[in-house]
Amino acid sequence: MDTGFALLLIAALVLSVVFSLLQQRTYSRATKRLGTSFIGAKDHFLVSGRGKHFLRGAIVLLVVDASTSRIVAAEAMVGSTVLARFKPRPELIGDLDTATLRTKEKMMTAAVDYATKQYWVTYKRNVAAAARK
């Protein structure tokens, strides 16, 4: 095996790790930003969902008001590279049950559907825990 080829493979692996860490940091910052903007707001849940595909994907962050089942804040990262960033998605703000109908991209629809399911699981656990107290 040629040492140049081995070095190329190692460099590709290192770049892959670096880009993965950068993307994870972008996600962490977005969740922290959304979470801290709703500190003290009663009955608000921050949920995320993802839609994956071979070349492109989407990650969506939703803040849902449990008392009204409405999305009060939404951000999404859609793209195929690690350079994609979270951007506000005002079209998602509104009723939680119809959020998937307001998306136009296939991966965004899958991400919003996943986040909606995640919300209902989280909400049911929270209600059950409150009932036990």
N, C-alpha and C. Protein backbone atom coordinates (compact mmCIF):
# COMPACT_ATOMS: atom_id res chain seq x y z
N MET A 1 0.84 -1.18 0.00
CA MET A 1 0.00 0.00 0.00
C MET A 1 0.89 1.24 0.00
N ASP A 2 0.56 2.18 -0.83
CA ASP A 2 1.31 3.42 -0.95
C ASP A 2 1.08 4.30 0.28
N THR A 3 2.14 4.89 0.81
CA THR A 3 1.99 5.74 2.01
C THR A 3 1.20 7.00 1.70
N GLY A 4 1.26 7.48 0.49
CA GLY A 4 0.48 8.67 0.11
C GLY A 4 -1.01 8.40 0.19
N PHE A 5 -1.41 7.22 -0.26
CA PHE A 5 -2.83 6.86 -0.19
C PHE A 5 -3.28 6.70 1.26
N ALA A 6 -2.44 6.12 2.10
CA ALA A 6 -2.77 5.95 3.51
C ALA A 6 -2.91 7.31 4.19
N LEU A 7 -2.02 8.23 3.86
CA LEU A 7 -2.11 9.58 4.43
C LEU A 7 -3.37 10.30 3.96
N LEU A 8 -3.75 10.06 2.73
CA LEU A 8 -4.99 10.66 2.21
C LEU A 8 -6.21 10.12 2.95
N LEU A 9 -6.23 8.83 3.22
CA LEU A 9 -7.33 8.23 3.98
C LEU A 9 -7.38 8.77 5.40
N ILE A 10 -6.24 8.90 6.04
CA ILE A 10 -6.19 9.43 7.40
C ILE A 10 -6.66 10.88 7.42
N ALA A 11 -6.25 11.67 6.44
CA ALA A 11 -6.68 13.07 6.37
C ALA A 11 -8.19 13.16 6.17
N ALA A 12 -8.75 12.29 5.34
CA ALA A 12 -10.20 12.28 5.13
C ALA A 12 -10.93 11.91 6.41
N LEU A 13 -10.41 10.96 7.16
CA LEU A 13 -11.01 10.57 8.43
C LEU A 13 -10.96 11.72 9.44
N VAL A 14 -9.84 12.40 9.52
CA VAL A 14 -9.71 13.53 10.45
C VAL A 14 -10.67 14.65 10.06
N LEU A 15 -10.78 14.95 8.77
CA LEU A 15 -11.73 15.97 8.33
C LEU A 15 -13.17 15.59 8.65
N SER A 16 -13.48 14.34 8.50
CA SER A 16 -14.82 13.87 8.81
C SER A 16 -15.13 14.08 10.29
N VAL A 17 -14.20 13.78 11.16
CA VAL A 17 -14.39 13.97 12.59
C VAL A 17 -14.54 15.45 12.92
N VAL A 18 -13.70 16.29 12.33
CA VAL A 18 -13.76 17.74 12.59
C VAL A 18 -15.10 18.31 12.13
N PHE A 19 -15.55 17.93 10.95
CA PHE A 19 -16.83 18.44 10.45
C PHE A 19 -18.00 17.94 11.29
N SER A 20 -17.93 16.71 11.77
CA SER A 20 -18.98 16.19 12.64
C SER A 20 -19.04 16.97 13.95
N LEU A 21 -17.90 17.28 14.50
CA LEU A 21 -17.86 18.07 15.74
C LEU A 21 -18.40 19.48 15.52
N LEU A 22 -18.09 20.08 14.39
CA LEU A 22 -18.62 21.41 14.08
C LEU A 22 -20.13 21.39 13.95
N GLN A 23 -20.66 20.36 13.31
CA GLN A 23 -22.10 20.26 13.15
C GLN A 23 -22.79 20.01 14.50
N GLN A 24 -22.17 19.22 15.35
CA GLN A 24 -22.73 18.97 16.67
C GLN A 24 -22.72 20.26 17.50
N ARG A 25 -21.68 21.06 17.36
CA ARG A 25 -21.60 22.34 18.08
C ARG A 25 -22.69 23.30 17.60
N THR A 26 -22.96 23.30 16.31
CA THR A 26 -24.03 24.14 15.77
C THR A 26 -25.37 23.73 16.35
N TYR A 27 -25.62 22.44 16.45
CA TYR A 27 -26.86 21.93 17.03
C TYR A 27 -26.97 22.32 18.51
N SER A 28 -25.89 22.14 19.25
CA SER A 28 -25.89 22.48 20.68
C SER A 28 -26.16 23.96 20.91
N ARG A 29 -25.56 24.80 20.12
CA ARG A 29 -25.78 26.24 20.27
C ARG A 29 -27.22 26.63 19.95
N ALA A 30 -27.78 26.02 18.94
CA ALA A 30 -29.17 26.34 18.57
C ALA A 30 -30.14 25.89 19.66
N THR A 31 -29.94 24.71 20.20
CA THR A 31 -30.83 24.24 21.26
C THR A 31 -30.67 25.09 22.52
N LYS A 32 -29.46 25.49 22.82
CA LYS A 32 -29.24 26.35 23.98
C LYS A 32 -29.90 27.71 23.78
N ARG A 33 -29.76 28.26 22.59
CA ARG A 33 -30.36 29.57 22.29
C ARG A 33 -31.89 29.52 22.42
N LEU A 34 -32.50 28.52 21.82
CA LEU A 34 -33.96 28.39 21.91
C LEU A 34 -34.40 28.07 23.33
N GLY A 35 -33.67 27.20 24.01
CA GLY A 35 -34.04 26.82 25.37
C GLY A 35 -33.97 27.98 26.34
N THR A 36 -32.90 28.78 26.24
CA THR A 36 -32.76 29.91 27.16
C THR A 36 -33.73 31.04 26.84
N SER A 37 -34.19 31.13 25.62
CA SER A 37 -35.14 32.20 25.30
C SER A 37 -36.53 31.93 25.88
N PHE A 38 -36.77 30.69 26.32
CA PHE A 38 -38.07 30.36 26.91
C PHE A 38 -37.94 29.90 28.37
N ILE A 39 -36.86 30.29 29.03
CA ILE A 39 -36.70 29.96 30.45
C ILE A 39 -37.79 30.69 31.22
N GLY A 40 -38.43 29.99 32.09
CA GLY A 40 -39.50 30.57 32.90
C GLY A 40 -40.87 30.47 32.27
N ALA A 41 -40.94 30.13 31.02
CA ALA A 41 -42.23 29.97 30.35
C ALA A 41 -42.79 28.61 30.76
N LYS A 42 -43.94 28.63 31.38
CA LYS A 42 -44.53 27.40 31.89
C LYS A 42 -45.13 26.58 30.74
N ASP A 43 -44.97 25.28 30.82
CA ASP A 43 -45.55 24.34 29.86
C ASP A 43 -45.06 24.53 28.43
N HIS A 44 -43.79 24.84 28.27
CA HIS A 44 -43.19 24.92 26.94
C HIS A 44 -42.18 23.78 26.81
N PHE A 45 -42.21 23.10 25.69
CA PHE A 45 -41.31 21.98 25.44
C PHE A 45 -40.46 22.28 24.20
N LEU A 46 -39.18 21.98 24.31
CA LEU A 46 -38.27 22.07 23.16
C LEU A 46 -38.07 20.65 22.65
N VAL A 47 -38.45 20.42 21.40
CA VAL A 47 -38.28 19.10 20.79
C VAL A 47 -37.54 19.25 19.46
N SER A 48 -36.90 18.19 19.06
CA SER A 48 -36.20 18.21 17.77
C SER A 48 -36.58 16.99 16.97
N GLY A 49 -36.44 17.12 15.67
CA GLY A 49 -36.71 16.01 14.77
C GLY A 49 -35.76 16.07 13.61
N ARG A 50 -35.58 14.95 12.96
CA ARG A 50 -34.67 14.91 11.83
C ARG A 50 -35.29 14.12 10.69
N GLY A 51 -34.92 14.52 9.51
CA GLY A 51 -35.28 13.81 8.31
C GLY A 51 -33.99 13.51 7.57
N LYS A 52 -33.69 12.25 7.36
CA LYS A 52 -32.42 11.87 6.75
C LYS A 52 -32.65 11.32 5.35
N HIS A 53 -31.68 11.59 4.52
CA HIS A 53 -31.65 11.05 3.17
C HIS A 53 -30.19 10.84 2.83
N PHE A 54 -29.93 10.17 1.74
CA PHE A 54 -28.56 9.87 1.36
C PHE A 54 -27.72 11.14 1.16
N LEU A 55 -28.26 12.12 0.45
CA LEU A 55 -27.49 13.33 0.16
C LEU A 55 -27.87 14.54 1.00
N ARG A 56 -29.13 14.68 1.32
CA ARG A 56 -29.59 15.86 2.06
C ARG A 56 -30.34 15.43 3.31
N GLY A 57 -30.46 16.37 4.21
CA GLY A 57 -31.20 16.08 5.43
C GLY A 57 -31.74 17.36 6.02
N ALA A 58 -32.49 17.21 7.10
CA ALA A 58 -33.06 18.35 7.79
C ALA A 58 -33.16 18.03 9.28
N ILE A 59 -32.89 19.03 10.08
CA ILE A 59 -33.09 18.96 11.51
C ILE A 59 -33.95 20.15 11.89
N VAL A 60 -34.98 19.90 12.67
CA VAL A 60 -35.90 20.97 13.05
C VAL A 60 -35.97 21.03 14.58
N LEU A 61 -36.00 22.24 15.12
CA LEU A 61 -36.18 22.48 16.54
C LEU A 61 -37.49 23.24 16.72
N LEU A 62 -38.37 22.72 17.56
CA LEU A 62 -39.66 23.34 17.79
C LEU A 62 -39.85 23.60 19.28
N VAL A 63 -40.37 24.77 19.61
CA VAL A 63 -40.80 25.07 20.98
C VAL A 63 -42.32 25.04 20.94
N VAL A 64 -42.90 24.12 21.72
CA VAL A 64 -44.34 23.91 21.70
C VAL A 64 -44.94 24.32 23.04
N ASP A 65 -46.00 25.12 22.99
CA ASP A 65 -46.75 25.49 24.18
C ASP A 65 -47.76 24.38 24.45
N ALA A 66 -47.57 23.68 25.56
CA ALA A 66 -48.41 22.51 25.86
C ALA A 66 -49.85 22.88 26.16
N SER A 67 -50.09 24.09 26.66
CA SER A 67 -51.46 24.46 27.02
C SER A 67 -52.33 24.67 25.78
N THR A 68 -51.72 25.03 24.66
CA THR A 68 -52.49 25.28 23.45
C THR A 68 -52.12 24.35 22.29
N SER A 69 -51.08 23.53 22.47
CA SER A 69 -50.55 22.66 21.40
C SER A 69 -50.20 23.46 20.15
N ARG A 70 -49.56 24.59 20.38
CA ARG A 70 -49.13 25.45 19.27
C ARG A 70 -47.61 25.59 19.30
N ILE A 71 -47.04 25.66 18.12
CA ILE A 71 -45.61 25.91 17.99
C ILE A 71 -45.40 27.42 18.14
N VAL A 72 -44.55 27.81 19.09
CA VAL A 72 -44.32 29.23 19.32
C VAL A 72 -42.97 29.70 18.76
N ALA A 73 -42.07 28.75 18.47
CA ALA A 73 -40.79 29.08 17.84
C ALA A 73 -40.32 27.87 17.06
N ALA A 74 -39.70 28.13 15.92
CA ALA A 74 -39.22 27.03 15.08
C ALA A 74 -37.96 27.45 14.34
N GLU A 75 -36.99 26.57 14.32
CA GLU A 75 -35.77 26.76 13.54
C GLU A 75 -35.45 25.44 12.85
N ALA A 76 -34.81 25.56 11.70
CA ALA A 76 -34.47 24.34 10.95
C ALA A 76 -33.12 24.50 10.29
N MET A 77 -32.44 23.38 10.17
CA MET A 77 -31.18 23.31 9.44
C MET A 77 -31.41 22.32 8.30
N VAL A 78 -31.36 22.82 7.09
CA VAL A 78 -31.61 21.99 5.92
C VAL A 78 -30.40 22.11 5.01
N GLY A 79 -29.90 20.99 4.56
CA GLY A 79 -28.78 21.06 3.64
C GLY A 79 -28.04 19.75 3.51
N SER A 80 -26.98 19.83 2.75
CA SER A 80 -26.21 18.62 2.49
C SER A 80 -24.77 18.74 2.95
N THR A 81 -24.41 19.85 3.56
CA THR A 81 -23.04 20.02 4.02
C THR A 81 -23.02 20.42 5.48
N VAL A 82 -21.85 20.40 6.05
CA VAL A 82 -21.70 20.80 7.44
C VAL A 82 -21.76 22.32 7.57
N LEU A 83 -21.82 23.01 6.46
CA LEU A 83 -21.90 24.47 6.50
C LEU A 83 -23.33 24.96 6.66
N ALA A 84 -24.31 24.07 6.67
CA ALA A 84 -25.71 24.45 6.88
C ALA A 84 -25.88 24.97 8.30
N ARG A 85 -26.73 25.97 8.46
CA ARG A 85 -26.97 26.59 9.76
C ARG A 85 -28.46 26.59 10.07
N PHE A 86 -28.78 26.74 11.35
CA PHE A 86 -30.18 26.85 11.76
C PHE A 86 -30.70 28.23 11.40
N LYS A 87 -31.90 28.24 10.83
CA LYS A 87 -32.55 29.49 10.45
C LYS A 87 -33.98 29.46 10.96
N PRO A 88 -34.52 30.61 11.35
CA PRO A 88 -35.92 30.64 11.80
C PRO A 88 -36.86 30.21 10.68
N ARG A 89 -37.89 29.50 11.05
CA ARG A 89 -38.89 29.03 10.09
C ARG A 89 -40.27 29.51 10.53
N PRO A 90 -40.63 30.74 10.18
CA PRO A 90 -41.91 31.29 10.62
C PRO A 90 -43.12 30.53 10.06
N GLU A 91 -42.94 29.82 8.95
CA GLU A 91 -44.08 29.08 8.38
C GLU A 91 -44.50 27.91 9.27
N LEU A 92 -43.65 27.49 10.17
CA LEU A 92 -43.98 26.38 11.06
C LEU A 92 -44.73 26.84 12.31
N ILE A 93 -44.68 28.11 12.61
CA ILE A 93 -45.35 28.61 13.81
C ILE A 93 -46.86 28.53 13.62
N GLY A 94 -47.51 27.93 14.60
CA GLY A 94 -48.95 27.75 14.53
C GLY A 94 -49.34 26.42 15.15
N ASP A 95 -50.44 25.88 14.71
CA ASP A 95 -50.98 24.64 15.26
C ASP A 95 -50.01 23.48 15.01
N LEU A 96 -49.76 22.70 16.05
CA LEU A 96 -48.83 21.58 15.95
C LEU A 96 -49.33 20.49 15.01
N ASP A 97 -50.62 20.23 15.03
CA ASP A 97 -51.17 19.14 14.23
C ASP A 97 -51.08 19.37 12.73
N THR A 98 -51.02 20.62 12.30
CA THR A 98 -50.97 20.91 10.87
C THR A 98 -49.58 21.39 10.42
N ALA A 99 -48.60 21.25 11.27
CA ALA A 99 -47.25 21.75 10.93
C ALA A 99 -46.66 21.02 9.73
N THR A 100 -46.90 19.72 9.62
CA THR A 100 -46.33 18.98 8.49
C THR A 100 -46.94 19.43 7.17
N LEU A 101 -48.15 19.93 7.20
CA LEU A 101 -48.80 20.41 5.97
C LEU A 101 -48.20 21.74 5.50
N ARG A 102 -47.56 22.46 6.42
CA ARG A 102 -47.01 23.77 6.07
C ARG A 102 -45.57 23.70 5.57
N THR A 103 -45.01 22.51 5.47
CA THR A 103 -43.65 22.37 4.94
C THR A 103 -43.70 22.02 3.46
N LYS A 104 -42.68 22.43 2.75
CA LYS A 104 -42.66 22.19 1.31
C LYS A 104 -41.59 21.17 0.91
N GLU A 105 -40.61 20.97 1.77
CA GLU A 105 -39.52 20.06 1.45
C GLU A 105 -39.75 18.69 2.09
N LYS A 106 -39.38 17.65 1.39
CA LYS A 106 -39.63 16.28 1.84
C LYS A 106 -38.93 15.99 3.17
N MET A 107 -37.67 16.35 3.28
CA MET A 107 -36.93 16.07 4.50
C MET A 107 -37.42 16.92 5.67
N MET A 108 -37.87 18.14 5.39
CA MET A 108 -38.45 18.99 6.44
C MET A 108 -39.74 18.38 6.96
N THR A 109 -40.54 17.83 6.07
CA THR A 109 -41.78 17.18 6.47
C THR A 109 -41.48 16.01 7.40
N ALA A 110 -40.49 15.21 7.05
CA ALA A 110 -40.11 14.07 7.89
C ALA A 110 -39.58 14.56 9.25
N ALA A 111 -38.80 15.63 9.25
CA ALA A 111 -38.25 16.16 10.50
C ALA A 111 -39.35 16.71 11.40
N VAL A 112 -40.30 17.43 10.83
CA VAL A 112 -41.40 17.99 11.62
C VAL A 112 -42.27 16.87 12.16
N ASP A 113 -42.51 15.84 11.37
CA ASP A 113 -43.30 14.70 11.83
C ASP A 113 -42.60 14.00 13.00
N TYR A 114 -41.30 13.83 12.89
CA TYR A 114 -40.52 13.21 13.97
C TYR A 114 -40.57 14.05 15.24
N ALA A 115 -40.43 15.38 15.09
CA ALA A 115 -40.48 16.28 16.25
C ALA A 115 -41.86 16.27 16.90
N THR A 116 -42.91 16.19 16.08
CA THR A 116 -44.27 16.13 16.62
C THR A 116 -44.46 14.87 17.45
N LYS A 117 -43.99 13.74 16.94
CA LYS A 117 -44.08 12.50 17.70
C LYS A 117 -43.27 12.59 18.99
N GLN A 118 -42.11 13.21 18.90
CA GLN A 118 -41.26 13.39 20.08
C GLN A 118 -41.96 14.26 21.12
N TYR A 119 -42.68 15.28 20.68
CA TYR A 119 -43.42 16.13 21.60
C TYR A 119 -44.48 15.34 22.35
N TRP A 120 -45.25 14.53 21.64
CA TRP A 120 -46.33 13.80 22.29
C TRP A 120 -45.78 12.78 23.29
N VAL A 121 -44.66 12.15 22.99
CA VAL A 121 -44.04 11.23 23.94
C VAL A 121 -43.59 12.00 25.18
N THR A 122 -42.93 13.12 24.99
CA THR A 122 -42.46 13.94 26.11
C THR A 122 -43.62 14.48 26.92
N TYR A 123 -44.65 14.94 26.26
CA TYR A 123 -45.81 15.51 26.93
C TYR A 123 -46.52 14.45 27.79
N LYS A 124 -46.70 13.25 27.24
CA LYS A 124 -47.38 12.19 27.99
C LYS A 124 -46.57 11.78 29.23
N ARG A 125 -45.24 11.73 29.09
CA ARG A 125 -44.40 11.41 30.25
C ARG A 125 -44.52 12.49 31.31
N ASN A 126 -44.53 13.73 30.89
CA ASN A 126 -44.60 14.84 31.84
C ASN A 126 -45.95 14.86 32.56
N VAL A 127 -47.02 14.62 31.84
CA VAL A 127 -48.35 14.58 32.44
C VAL A 127 -48.46 13.42 33.43
N ALA A 128 -47.92 12.26 33.05
CA ALA A 128 -47.96 11.10 33.93
C ALA A 128 -47.15 11.36 35.19
N ALA A 129 -46.00 12.01 35.08
CA ALA A 129 -45.17 12.31 36.25
C ALA A 129 -45.87 13.30 37.16
N ALA A 130 -46.55 14.29 36.58
CA ALA A 130 -47.27 15.28 37.38
C ALA A 130 -48.44 14.63 38.10
N ALA A 131 -49.08 13.65 37.51
CA ALA A 131 -50.21 12.97 38.13
C ALA A 131 -49.77 12.11 39.31
N ARG A 132 -48.54 11.59 39.26
CA ARG A 132 -48.04 10.77 40.36
C ARG A 132 -47.69 11.58 41.60
N LYS A 133 -47.43 12.87 41.43
CA LYS A 133 -46.98 13.70 42.56
C LYS A 133 -48.08 14.00 43.52
